[in-house]
């Protein structure tokens, strides 16, 4: 960089700053161990069947609460 230039974006930072990319990065790097650090998460609709099987296996009640976060901002 030259003196006086400013940085608008750091390439690759989206892997940690966007929810979807953050989850994918952690799952790829740590696999199941990722969920020792972050809440169990699923990328829907791609991981719908994983989410469903976890829901059924955990015996979650029908009124269990889940958080659904959209990847769309503003």
Protein backbone atom coordinates (compact mmCIF):
# COMPACT_ATOMS: atom_id res chain seq x y z
CA UNK A 1 0.00 0.00 0.00
CA UNK A 2 1.03 3.54 -0.60
CA UNK A 3 0.96 6.28 2.04
CA UNK A 4 -2.51 7.80 2.27
CA UNK A 5 -4.32 4.73 0.92
CA UNK A 6 -7.13 3.22 3.00
CA UNK A 7 -8.40 -0.33 3.26
CA UNK A 8 -12.10 -0.87 2.53
CA UNK A 9 -12.16 -4.65 2.76
CA UNK A 10 -9.74 -7.32 3.88
CA UNK A 11 -9.95 -10.30 1.49
CA UNK A 12 -11.17 -13.46 3.19
CA UNK A 13 -12.49 -11.76 6.35
CA UNK A 14 -16.03 -12.84 5.40
CA UNK A 15 -15.14 -16.35 6.57
CA UNK A 16 -15.37 -15.05 10.15
CA UNK A 17 -17.69 -12.05 9.86
CA UNK A 18 -20.76 -13.45 8.08
CA UNK A 19 -22.91 -15.92 10.06
CA UNK A 20 -23.23 -18.51 7.28
CA UNK A 21 -19.56 -18.37 6.31
CA UNK A 22 -18.51 -18.46 9.97
CA UNK A 23 -20.49 -21.66 10.56
CA UNK A 24 -19.16 -23.29 7.39
CA UNK A 25 -15.57 -22.37 8.32
CA UNK A 26 -15.90 -23.82 11.83
CA UNK A 27 -17.62 -26.99 10.64
CA UNK A 28 -14.97 -27.58 7.99
CA UNK A 29 -12.09 -26.88 10.36
CA UNK A 30 -13.31 -28.66 13.49
CA UNK A 31 -16.17 -30.94 12.44
CA UNK A 32 -18.33 -32.04 15.37
CA UNK A 33 -15.85 -30.50 17.83
CA UNK A 34 -16.89 -27.03 16.61
CA UNK A 35 -20.03 -27.34 18.69
CA UNK A 36 -17.98 -27.39 21.86
CA UNK A 37 -17.35 -23.69 21.19
CA UNK A 38 -20.43 -22.50 19.31
CA UNK A 39 -24.10 -23.50 19.63
CA UNK A 40 -25.22 -26.43 17.49
CA UNK A 41 -26.15 -24.89 14.17
CA UNK A 42 -27.41 -26.03 10.79
CA UNK A 43 -27.31 -24.44 7.36
CA UNK A 44 -30.84 -24.69 6.03
CA UNK A 45 -32.06 -25.88 3.62
CA UNK A 46 -28.81 -27.77 2.81
CA UNK A 47 -28.57 -29.45 6.22
CA UNK A 48 -32.30 -29.91 6.77
CA UNK A 49 -32.04 -33.70 7.18
CA UNK A 50 -29.17 -33.38 9.69
CA UNK A 51 -31.21 -30.87 11.68
CA UNK A 52 -34.31 -33.08 11.52
CA UNK A 53 -32.44 -36.20 12.64
CA UNK A 54 -30.86 -34.26 15.54
CA UNK A 55 -34.27 -32.95 16.54
CA UNK A 56 -35.82 -36.42 16.53
CA UNK A 57 -32.85 -38.10 18.27
CA UNK A 58 -32.66 -35.49 21.02
CA UNK A 59 -36.27 -36.04 22.01
CA UNK A 60 -36.95 -32.32 21.84
CA UNK A 61 -40.51 -31.49 22.82
CA UNK A 62 -42.88 -30.20 20.17
CA UNK A 63 -42.77 -26.75 21.74
CA UNK A 64 -38.94 -26.55 21.72
CA UNK A 65 -37.61 -23.13 20.77
CA UNK A 66 -35.26 -22.68 17.80
CA UNK A 67 -33.64 -19.55 16.41
CA UNK A 68 -33.79 -19.01 12.67
CA UNK A 69 -31.41 -16.36 11.36
CA UNK A 70 -31.60 -15.14 7.79
CA UNK A 71 -28.41 -14.49 5.88
CA UNK A 72 -29.91 -11.31 4.39
CA UNK A 73 -28.79 -8.04 5.92
CA UNK A 74 -30.53 -4.68 5.88
